[in-house]
Amino acid sequence: MKNIFEILKPPFYYDDYGQMIFDKDNNLALDVRAWGLIQKEENAEEIQDNFGKMVAEALNNIAQQTLFSSNAKASTPKPTA
């Protein structure tokens, strides 16, 4: 089974114009939606943009850990008997 990071390639970035998160090849990864809940807040746009940036950063951190872990496992020599 493929890992999501074999399909969507980090780094991820948040586009505040469309409230979307894209991968390095500009493939849409996520559409950030929370406007119905936050629209009445004084700083709703800032809240939504900060959330989108936070999610993109989290995806990058998870991707780094996942890819590092996968590479470490692949390069670790197997014990011989």
Protein backbone atom coordinates (compact mmCIF):
# COMPACT_ATOMS: atom_id res chain seq x y z
CA MET A 1 0.00 0.00 0.00
CA LYS A 2 1.28 3.45 -0.89
CA ASN A 3 2.04 6.09 1.68
CA ILE A 4 0.21 9.40 1.09
CA PHE A 5 3.57 11.12 0.77
CA GLU A 6 4.31 9.00 -2.30
CA ILE A 7 1.32 10.71 -3.95
CA LEU A 8 1.34 14.19 -2.43
CA LYS A 9 4.89 15.51 -2.21
CA PRO A 10 6.12 17.81 0.55
CA PRO A 11 6.68 20.60 1.21
CA PHE A 12 3.07 21.67 1.61
CA TYR A 13 2.01 25.30 1.57
CA TYR A 14 -1.16 27.23 2.37
CA ASP A 15 -2.70 29.52 -0.24
CA ASP A 16 -4.58 32.22 1.64
CA TYR A 17 -6.37 33.42 -1.50
CA GLY A 18 -8.25 30.16 -1.98
CA GLN A 19 -7.90 28.77 1.55
CA MET A 20 -6.29 25.61 0.18
CA ILE A 21 -3.21 23.56 0.94
CA PHE A 22 -1.08 22.37 -1.97
CA ASP A 23 1.93 20.09 -2.30
CA LYS A 24 5.23 21.02 -3.97
CA ASP A 25 3.80 20.15 -7.40
CA ASN A 26 0.73 22.36 -6.82
CA ASN A 27 -1.60 19.40 -6.34
CA LEU A 28 -4.53 20.21 -4.06
CA ALA A 29 -4.09 18.39 -0.75
CA LEU A 30 -6.78 20.04 1.40
CA ASP A 31 -9.47 22.69 1.21
CA VAL A 32 -9.57 24.59 4.50
CA ARG A 33 -13.20 25.11 5.52
CA ALA A 34 -14.33 26.71 8.76
CA TRP A 35 -16.02 29.89 7.65
CA GLY A 36 -19.51 28.91 8.81
CA LEU A 37 -18.25 28.55 12.36
CA ILE A 38 -15.85 31.49 12.56
CA GLN A 39 -17.38 34.12 10.24
CA LYS A 40 -18.74 36.20 13.12
CA GLU A 41 -15.39 36.40 14.88
CA GLU A 42 -13.68 39.78 14.77
CA ASN A 43 -10.58 38.37 13.07
CA ALA A 44 -12.16 35.49 11.14
CA GLU A 45 -9.88 35.73 8.10
CA GLU A 46 -6.78 35.71 10.28
CA ILE A 47 -8.09 32.72 12.26
CA GLN A 48 -8.76 30.75 9.08
CA ASP A 49 -5.40 31.66 7.52
CA ASN A 50 -3.51 30.78 10.71
CA PHE A 51 -5.31 27.45 10.84
CA GLY A 52 -4.41 26.70 7.21
CA LYS A 53 -0.75 27.57 7.83
CA MET A 54 -0.76 25.42 10.97
CA VAL A 55 -2.17 22.41 9.06
CA ALA A 56 0.39 22.84 6.25
CA GLU A 57 3.20 23.00 8.81
CA ALA A 58 1.85 19.90 10.55
CA LEU A 59 1.73 18.02 7.24
CA ASN A 60 5.34 19.00 6.56
CA ASN A 61 6.42 17.80 10.02
CA ILE A 62 4.57 14.49 9.63
CA ALA A 63 6.00 14.01 6.14
CA GLN A 64 9.52 14.67 7.39
CA GLN A 65 9.12 12.16 10.23
CA THR A 66 7.51 9.57 7.95
CA LEU A 67 10.08 9.92 5.18
CA PHE A 68 12.98 9.96 7.66
CA SER A 69 11.61 6.85 9.35
CA SER A 70 11.14 5.07 6.00
CA ASN A 71 14.65 6.00 4.84
CA ALA A 72 16.16 4.91 8.17
CA LYS A 73 14.43 1.52 7.94
CA ALA A 74 15.54 1.05 4.33
CA SER A 75 19.17 1.87 5.12
CA THR A 76 19.44 -0.08 8.37
CA PRO A 77 21.45 -3.26 7.76
CA LYS A 78 19.66 -6.47 8.64
CA PRO A 79 21.42 -8.62 11.24
CA THR A 80 23.04 -11.77 9.94
CA ALA A 81 23.09 -15.07 11.73
